[in-house]
Amino acid sequence: MSNRLGDGGVVVNLRTNRIFELNATGMRAWELIGEGHTRDEIERRLEDEFEVEPARVRAELATLIADFAREGLVDADPDG
């Protein structure tokens, strides 16, 4: 379950009741994952929408996806 709050938002793992507070880019990444976009598509969208360097987007997205996967919020890394 997720909810937008201002620019960012929160994601709640209903199995563990853990709450993840996300900034604007994290929340947008969560939305794009939920829409079924691939990792490459998500990276490009975040680069364009937030005017962020590709290397930074790749690193931060990799961390975010790993955290989501560890928590069971995503089934797998959306590589393709």
PDB file of N, CA and C in Angstrom:
ATOM      1  N   MET A   1       0.846  -1.163   0.000  1.00  0.00           N
ATOM      2  CA  MET A   1       0.000   0.000   0.000  1.00  0.00           C
ATOM      3  C   MET A   1       0.896   1.232   0.000  1.00  0.00           C
ATOM      4  N   SER A   2       0.510   2.233  -0.746  1.00  0.00           N
ATOM      5  CA  SER A   2       1.299   3.464  -0.798  1.00  0.00           C
ATOM      6  C   SER A   2       0.364   4.666  -0.841  1.00  0.00           C
ATOM      7  N   ASN A   3       0.931   5.812  -0.456  1.00  0.00           N
ATOM      8  CA  ASN A   3       0.158   7.039  -0.465  1.00  0.00           C
ATOM      9  C   ASN A   3       1.103   8.205  -0.692  1.00  0.00           C
ATOM     10  N   ARG A   4       0.730   9.075  -1.592  1.00  0.00           N
ATOM     11  CA  ARG A   4       1.510  10.278  -1.843  1.00  0.00           C
ATOM     12  C   ARG A   4       1.241  11.298  -0.746  1.00  0.00           C
ATOM     13  N   LEU A   5       2.310  11.912  -0.261  1.00  0.00           N
ATOM     14  CA  LEU A   5       2.216  12.976   0.742  1.00  0.00           C
ATOM     15  C   LEU A   5       3.113  14.119   0.289  1.00  0.00           C
ATOM     16  N   GLY A   6       2.521  15.175  -0.195  1.00  0.00           N
ATOM     17  CA  GLY A   6       3.328  16.273  -0.725  1.00  0.00           C
ATOM     18  C   GLY A   6       4.089  15.800  -1.945  1.00  0.00           C
ATOM     19  N   ASP A   7       5.388  16.118  -2.002  1.00  0.00           N
ATOM     20  CA  ASP A   7       6.216  15.687  -3.125  1.00  0.00           C
ATOM     21  C   ASP A   7       6.589  14.218  -3.030  1.00  0.00           C
ATOM     22  N   GLY A   8       6.698  13.681  -1.832  1.00  0.00           N
ATOM     23  CA  GLY A   8       7.101  12.294  -1.621  1.00  0.00           C
ATOM     24  C   GLY A   8       5.919  11.425  -1.291  1.00  0.00           C
ATOM     25  N   GLY A   9       6.169  10.469  -0.408  1.00  0.00           N
ATOM     26  CA  GLY A   9       5.084   9.595  -0.013  1.00  0.00           C
ATOM     27  C   GLY A   9       5.556   8.499   0.910  1.00  0.00           C
ATOM     28  N   VAL A  10       4.665   7.589   1.205  1.00  0.00           N
ATOM     29  CA  VAL A  10       4.990   6.457   2.065  1.00  0.00           C
ATOM     30  C   VAL A  10       4.526   5.172   1.400  1.00  0.00           C
ATOM     31  N   VAL A  11       5.270   4.117   1.681  1.00  0.00           N
ATOM     32  CA  VAL A  11       4.906   2.770   1.259  1.00  0.00           C
ATOM     33  C   VAL A  11       4.814   1.954   2.534  1.00  0.00           C
ATOM     34  N   VAL A  12       3.729   1.234   2.701  1.00  0.00           N
ATOM     35  CA  VAL A  12       3.513   0.416   3.896  1.00  0.00           C
ATOM     36  C   VAL A  12       3.532  -1.052   3.501  1.00  0.00           C
ATOM     37  N   ASN A  13       4.396  -1.810   4.151  1.00  0.00           N
ATOM     38  CA  ASN A  13       4.410  -3.251   3.967  1.00  0.00           C
ATOM     39  C   ASN A  13       3.354  -3.816   4.913  1.00  0.00           C
ATOM     40  N   LEU A  14       2.243  -4.249   4.368  1.00  0.00           N
ATOM     41  CA  LEU A  14       1.124  -4.702   5.188  1.00  0.00           C
ATOM     42  C   LEU A  14       1.414  -6.010   5.914  1.00  0.00           C
ATOM     43  N   ARG A  15       2.387  -6.785   5.443  1.00  0.00           N
ATOM     44  CA  ARG A  15       2.750  -8.024   6.133  1.00  0.00           C
ATOM     45  C   ARG A  15       3.544  -7.756   7.408  1.00  0.00           C
ATOM     46  N   THR A  16       4.365  -6.702   7.378  1.00  0.00           N
ATOM     47  CA  THR A  16       5.233  -6.422   8.525  1.00  0.00           C
ATOM     48  C   THR A  16       4.865  -5.135   9.255  1.00  0.00           C
ATOM     49  N   ASN A  17       3.972  -4.350   8.667  1.00  0.00           N
ATOM     50  CA  ASN A  17       3.594  -3.031   9.188  1.00  0.00           C
ATOM     51  C   ASN A  17       4.744  -2.032   9.179  1.00  0.00           C
ATOM     52  N   ARG A  18       5.776  -2.309   8.391  1.00  0.00           N
ATOM     53  CA  ARG A  18       6.882  -1.358   8.251  1.00  0.00           C
ATOM     54  C   ARG A  18       6.479  -0.265   7.282  1.00  0.00           C
ATOM     55  N   ILE A  19       6.877   0.955   7.615  1.00  0.00           N
ATOM     56  CA  ILE A  19       6.543   2.127   6.812  1.00  0.00           C
ATOM     57  C   ILE A  19       7.831   2.693   6.227  1.00  0.00           C
ATOM     58  N   PHE A  20       7.822   2.954   4.933  1.00  0.00           N
ATOM     59  CA  PHE A  20       8.966   3.522   4.240  1.00  0.00           C
ATOM     60  C   PHE A  20       8.599   4.904   3.740  1.00  0.00           C
ATOM     61  N   GLU A  21       9.310   5.885   4.200  1.00  0.00           N
ATOM     62  CA  GLU A  21       9.087   7.259   3.743  1.00  0.00           C
ATOM     63  C   GLU A  21       9.997   7.514   2.552  1.00  0.00           C
ATOM     64  N   LEU A  22       9.407   7.971   1.450  1.00  0.00           N
ATOM     65  CA  LEU A  22      10.153   8.179   0.216  1.00  0.00           C
ATOM     66  C   LEU A  22      10.137   9.647  -0.185  1.00  0.00           C
ATOM     67  N   ASN A  23      11.265  10.091  -0.745  1.00  0.00           N
ATOM     68  CA  ASN A  23      11.301  11.444  -1.296  1.00  0.00           C
ATOM     69  C   ASN A  23      10.596  11.414  -2.655  1.00  0.00           C
ATOM     70  N   ALA A  24      10.601  12.524  -3.353  1.00  0.00           N
ATOM     71  CA  ALA A  24       9.860  12.630  -4.617  1.00  0.00           C
ATOM     72  C   ALA A  24      10.339  11.619  -5.649  1.00  0.00           C
ATOM     73  N   THR A  25      11.655  11.453  -5.795  1.00  0.00           N
ATOM     74  CA  THR A  25      12.155  10.512  -6.794  1.00  0.00           C
ATOM     75  C   THR A  25      11.876   9.071  -6.386  1.00  0.00           C
ATOM     76  N   GLY A  26      11.992   8.766  -5.116  1.00  0.00           N
ATOM     77  CA  GLY A  26      11.683   7.420  -4.635  1.00  0.00           C
ATOM     78  C   GLY A  26      10.225   7.071  -4.859  1.00  0.00           C
ATOM     79  N   MET A  27       9.352   8.017  -4.589  1.00  0.00           N
ATOM     80  CA  MET A  27       7.921   7.778  -4.772  1.00  0.00           C
ATOM     81  C   MET A  27       7.598   7.591  -6.253  1.00  0.00           C
ATOM     82  N   ARG A  28       8.233   8.395  -7.088  1.00  0.00           N
ATOM     83  CA  ARG A  28       8.002   8.262  -8.535  1.00  0.00           C
ATOM     84  C   ARG A  28       8.507   6.911  -9.025  1.00  0.00           C
ATOM     85  N   ALA A  29       9.661   6.478  -8.526  1.00  0.00           N
ATOM     86  CA  ALA A  29      10.186   5.158  -8.887  1.00  0.00           C
ATOM     87  C   ALA A  29       9.201   4.071  -8.477  1.00  0.00           C
ATOM     88  N   TRP A  30       8.652   4.173  -7.262  1.00  0.00           N
ATOM     89  CA  TRP A  30       7.665   3.201  -6.781  1.00  0.00           C
ATOM     90  C   TRP A  30       6.463   3.141  -7.717  1.00  0.00           C
ATOM     91  N   GLU A  31       5.978   4.302  -8.149  1.00  0.00           N
ATOM     92  CA  GLU A  31       4.840   4.353  -9.058  1.00  0.00           C
ATOM     93  C   GLU A  31       5.172   3.688 -10.396  1.00  0.00           C
ATOM     94  N   LEU A  32       6.363   3.976 -10.912  1.00  0.00           N
ATOM     95  CA  LEU A  32       6.764   3.403 -12.202  1.00  0.00           C
ATOM     96  C   LEU A  32       6.954   1.892 -12.104  1.00  0.00           C
ATOM     97  N   ILE A  33       7.484   1.413 -10.990  1.00  0.00           N
ATOM     98  CA  ILE A  33       7.597  -0.032 -10.771  1.00  0.00           C
ATOM     99  C   ILE A  33       6.201  -0.648 -10.790  1.00  0.00           C
ATOM    100  N   GLY A  34       5.275  -0.011 -10.090  1.00  0.00           N
ATOM    101  CA  GLY A  34       3.903  -0.509 -10.023  1.00  0.00           C
ATOM    102  C   GLY A  34       3.204  -0.523 -11.375  1.00  0.00           C
ATOM    103  N   GLU A  35       3.617   0.365 -12.268  1.00  0.00           N
ATOM    104  CA  GLU A  35       3.041   0.420 -13.611  1.00  0.00           C
ATOM    105  C   GLU A  35       3.669  -0.621 -14.539  1.00  0.00           C
ATOM    106  N   GLY A  36       4.681  -1.338 -14.049  1.00  0.00           N
ATOM    107  CA  GLY A  36       5.278  -2.407 -14.834  1.00  0.00           C
ATOM    108  C   GLY A  36       6.420  -1.997 -15.740  1.00  0.00           C
ATOM    109  N   HIS A  37       6.980  -0.811 -15.533  1.00  0.00           N
ATOM    110  CA  HIS A  37       8.102  -0.365 -16.356  1.00  0.00           C
ATOM    111  C   HIS A  37       9.360  -1.153 -16.017  1.00  0.00           C
ATOM    112  N   THR A  38      10.235  -1.313 -17.007  1.00  0.00           N
ATOM    113  CA  THR A  38      11.514  -1.978 -16.781  1.00  0.00           C
ATOM    114  C   THR A  38      12.449  -1.025 -16.039  1.00  0.00           C
ATOM    115  N   ARG A  39      13.526  -1.578 -15.522  1.00  0.00           N
ATOM    116  CA  ARG A  39      14.509  -0.759 -14.812  1.00  0.00           C
ATOM    117  C   ARG A  39      15.074   0.327 -15.724  1.00  0.00           C
ATOM    118  N   ASP A  40      15.406  -0.026 -16.976  1.00  0.00           N
ATOM    119  CA  ASP A  40      15.928   0.962 -17.913  1.00  0.00           C
ATOM    120  C   ASP A  40      14.927   2.087 -18.165  1.00  0.00           C
ATOM    121  N   GLU A  41      13.672   1.719 -18.336  1.00  0.00           N
ATOM    122  CA  GLU A  41      12.629   2.730 -18.544  1.00  0.00           C
ATOM    123  C   GLU A  41      12.505   3.642 -17.329  1.00  0.00           C
ATOM    124  N   ILE A  42      12.556   3.061 -16.149  1.00  0.00           N
ATOM    125  CA  ILE A  42      12.453   3.846 -14.911  1.00  0.00           C
ATOM    126  C   ILE A  42      13.626   4.816 -14.811  1.00  0.00           C
ATOM    127  N   GLU A  43      14.827   4.317 -15.091  1.00  0.00           N
ATOM    128  CA  GLU A  43      16.003   5.193 -15.042  1.00  0.00           C
ATOM    129  C   GLU A  43      15.848   6.380 -15.976  1.00  0.00           C
ATOM    130  N   ARG A  44      15.447   6.118 -17.215  1.00  0.00           N
ATOM    131  CA  ARG A  44      15.294   7.210 -18.190  1.00  0.00           C
ATOM    132  C   ARG A  44      14.233   8.216 -17.757  1.00  0.00           C
ATOM    133  N   ARG A  45      13.113   7.707 -17.250  1.00  0.00           N
ATOM    134  CA  ARG A  45      12.037   8.604 -16.809  1.00  0.00           C
ATOM    135  C   ARG A  45      12.498   9.480 -15.653  1.00  0.00           C
ATOM    136  N   LEU A  46      13.185   8.890 -14.678  1.00  0.00           N
ATOM    137  CA  LEU A  46      13.656   9.667 -13.529  1.00  0.00           C
ATOM    138  C   LEU A  46      14.689  10.706 -13.955  1.00  0.00           C
ATOM    139  N   GLU A  47      15.588  10.319 -14.857  1.00  0.00           N
ATOM    140  CA  GLU A  47      16.582  11.271 -15.372  1.00  0.00           C
ATOM    141  C   GLU A  47      15.894  12.469 -16.011  1.00  0.00           C
ATOM    142  N   ASP A  48      14.885  12.194 -16.828  1.00  0.00           N
ATOM    143  CA  ASP A  48      14.170  13.260 -17.533  1.00  0.00           C
ATOM    144  C   ASP A  48      13.315  14.109 -16.598  1.00  0.00           C
ATOM    145  N   GLU A  49      12.552  13.456 -15.730  1.00  0.00           N
ATOM    146  CA  GLU A  49      11.608  14.172 -14.875  1.00  0.00           C
ATOM    147  C   GLU A  49      12.287  14.984 -13.780  1.00  0.00           C
ATOM    148  N   PHE A  50      13.441  14.498 -13.302  1.00  0.00           N
ATOM    149  CA  PHE A  50      14.088  15.172 -12.168  1.00  0.00           C
ATOM    150  C   PHE A  50      15.434  15.800 -12.534  1.00  0.00           C
ATOM    151  N   GLU A  51      15.829  15.694 -13.811  1.00  0.00           N
ATOM    152  CA  GLU A  51      17.089  16.261 -14.283  1.00  0.00           C
ATOM    153  C   GLU A  51      18.252  15.838 -13.385  1.00  0.00           C
ATOM    154  N   VAL A  52      18.400  14.521 -13.239  1.00  0.00           N
ATOM    155  CA  VAL A  52      19.429  13.920 -12.399  1.00  0.00           C
ATOM    156  C   VAL A  52      20.415  13.186 -13.292  1.00  0.00           C
ATOM    157  N   GLU A  53      21.687  13.173 -12.883  1.00  0.00           N
ATOM    158  CA  GLU A  53      22.714  12.479 -13.650  1.00  0.00           C
ATOM    159  C   GLU A  53      22.430  10.974 -13.694  1.00  0.00           C
ATOM    160  N   PRO A  54      22.657  10.346 -14.858  1.00  0.00           N
ATOM    161  CA  PRO A  54      22.386   8.917 -15.002  1.00  0.00           C
ATOM    162  C   PRO A  54      23.072   8.038 -13.953  1.00  0.00           C
ATOM    163  N   ALA A  55      24.315   8.311 -13.627  1.00  0.00           N
ATOM    164  CA  ALA A  55      25.032   7.477 -12.649  1.00  0.00           C
ATOM    165  C   ALA A  55      24.367   7.536 -11.279  1.00  0.00           C
ATOM    166  N   ARG A  56      23.913   8.697 -10.904  1.00  0.00           N
ATOM    167  CA  ARG A  56      23.239   8.847  -9.611  1.00  0.00           C
ATOM    168  C   ARG A  56      21.903   8.104  -9.604  1.00  0.00           C
ATOM    169  N   VAL A  57      21.159   8.242 -10.698  1.00  0.00           N
ATOM    170  CA  VAL A  57      19.870   7.543 -10.795  1.00  0.00           C
ATOM    171  C   VAL A  57      20.088   6.039 -10.695  1.00  0.00           C
ATOM    172  N   ARG A  58      21.062   5.503 -11.454  1.00  0.00           N
ATOM    173  CA  ARG A  58      21.330   4.060 -11.427  1.00  0.00           C
ATOM    174  C   ARG A  58      21.657   3.572 -10.032  1.00  0.00           C
ATOM    175  N   ALA A  59      22.546   4.287  -9.348  1.00  0.00           N
ATOM    176  CA  ALA A  59      22.970   3.865  -8.006  1.00  0.00           C
ATOM    177  C   ALA A  59      21.820   3.917  -7.011  1.00  0.00           C
ATOM    178  N   GLU A  60      21.092   5.015  -6.993  1.00  0.00           N
ATOM    179  CA  GLU A  60      20.011   5.159  -6.022  1.00  0.00           C
ATOM    180  C   GLU A  60      18.837   4.229  -6.325  1.00  0.00           C
ATOM    181  N   LEU A  61      18.555   4.010  -7.605  1.00  0.00           N
ATOM    182  CA  LEU A  61      17.481   3.098  -7.968  1.00  0.00           C
ATOM    183  C   LEU A  61      17.849   1.665  -7.590  1.00  0.00           C
ATOM    184  N   ALA A  62      19.101   1.293  -7.800  1.00  0.00           N
ATOM    185  CA  ALA A  62      19.552  -0.055  -7.430  1.00  0.00           C
ATOM    186  C   ALA A  62      19.373  -0.283  -5.933  1.00  0.00           C
ATOM    187  N   THR A  63      19.728   0.697  -5.130  1.00  0.00           N
ATOM    188  CA  THR A  63      19.563   0.596  -3.680  1.00  0.00           C
ATOM    189  C   THR A  63      18.092   0.496  -3.306  1.00  0.00           C
ATOM    190  N   LEU A  64      17.269   1.335  -3.902  1.00  0.00           N
ATOM    191  CA  LEU A  64      15.841   1.337  -3.603  1.00  0.00           C
ATOM    192  C   LEU A  64      15.196   0.001  -3.967  1.00  0.00           C
ATOM    193  N   ILE A  65      15.509  -0.513  -5.146  1.00  0.00           N
ATOM    194  CA  ILE A  65      14.943  -1.792  -5.574  1.00  0.00           C
ATOM    195  C   ILE A  65      15.408  -2.921  -4.663  1.00  0.00           C
ATOM    196  N   ALA A  66      16.675  -2.900  -4.280  1.00  0.00           N
ATOM    197  CA  ALA A  66      17.194  -3.933  -3.374  1.00  0.00           C
ATOM    198  C   ALA A  66      16.467  -3.877  -2.035  1.00  0.00           C
ATOM    199  N   ASP A  67      16.222  -2.678  -1.530  1.00  0.00           N
ATOM    200  CA  ASP A  67      15.486  -2.526  -0.265  1.00  0.00           C
ATOM    201  C   ASP A  67      14.055  -3.054  -0.404  1.00  0.00           C
ATOM    202  N   PHE A  68      13.402  -2.707  -1.503  1.00  0.00           N
ATOM    203  CA  PHE A  68      12.039  -3.191  -1.735  1.00  0.00           C
ATOM    204  C   PHE A  68      12.012  -4.711  -1.846  1.00  0.00           C
ATOM    205  N   ALA A  69      12.970  -5.280  -2.559  1.00  0.00           N
ATOM    206  CA  ALA A  69      13.024  -6.739  -2.728  1.00  0.00           C
ATOM    207  C   ALA A  69      13.265  -7.429  -1.395  1.00  0.00           C
ATOM    208  N   ARG A  70      14.165  -6.882  -0.598  1.00  0.00           N
ATOM    209  CA  ARG A  70      14.467  -7.458   0.718  1.00  0.00           C
ATOM    210  C   ARG A  70      13.226  -7.457   1.609  1.00  0.00           C
ATOM    211  N   GLU A  71      12.390  -6.463   1.462  1.00  0.00           N
ATOM    212  CA  GLU A  71      11.168  -6.352   2.257  1.00  0.00           C
ATOM    213  C   GLU A  71      10.003  -7.127   1.653  1.00  0.00           C
ATOM    214  N   GLY A  72      10.204  -7.699   0.470  1.00  0.00           N
ATOM    215  CA  GLY A  72       9.141  -8.448  -0.177  1.00  0.00           C
ATOM    216  C   GLY A  72       8.111  -7.559  -0.855  1.00  0.00           C
ATOM    217  N   LEU A  73       8.480  -6.312  -1.131  1.00  0.00           N
ATOM    218  CA  LEU A  73       7.543  -5.376  -1.761  1.00  0.00           C
ATOM    219  C   LEU A  73       7.544  -5.484  -3.283  1.00  0.00           C
ATOM    220  N   VAL A  74       8.616  -6.021  -3.835  1.00  0.00           N
ATOM    221  CA  VAL A  74       8.687  -6.321  -5.266  1.00  0.00           C
ATOM    222  C   VAL A  74       9.161  -7.754  -5.406  1.00  0.00           C
ATOM    223  N   ASP A  75       8.695  -8.432  -6.447  1.00  0.00           N
ATOM    224  CA  ASP A  75       9.054  -9.824  -6.648  1.00  0.00           C
ATOM    225  C   ASP A  75      10.500  -9.993  -7.085  1.00  0.00           C
ATOM    226  N   ALA A  76      10.956  -9.119  -7.969  1.00  0.00           N
ATOM    227  CA  ALA A  76      12.307  -9.238  -8.492  1.00  0.00           C
ATOM    228  C   ALA A  76      12.738  -7.892  -9.038  1.00  0.00           C
ATOM    229  N   ASP A  77      14.021  -7.782  -9.308  1.00  0.00           N
ATOM    230  CA  ASP A  77      14.576  -6.591  -9.903  1.00  0.00           C
ATOM    231  C   ASP A  77      14.027  -6.453 -11.323  1.00  0.00           C
ATOM    232  N   PRO A  78      13.323  -5.344 -11.631  1.00  0.00           N
ATOM    233  CA  PRO A  78      12.733  -5.199 -12.965  1.00  0.00           C
ATOM    234  C   PRO A  78      13.781  -4.835 -14.009  1.00  0.00           C
ATOM    235  N   ASP A  79      14.635  -5.806 -14.371  1.00  0.00           N
ATOM    236  CA  ASP A  79      15.729  -5.556 -15.322  1.00  0.00           C
ATOM    237  C   ASP A  79      15.256  -5.465 -16.755  1.00  0.00           C
ATOM    238  N   GLY A  80      14.211  -6.108 -17.083  1.00  0.00           N
ATOM    239  CA  GLY A  80      13.902  -6.125 -18.498  1.00  0.00           C
ATOM    240  C   GLY A  80      12.480  -6.249 -18.752  1.00  0.00           C
TER     241      GLY A  80
END
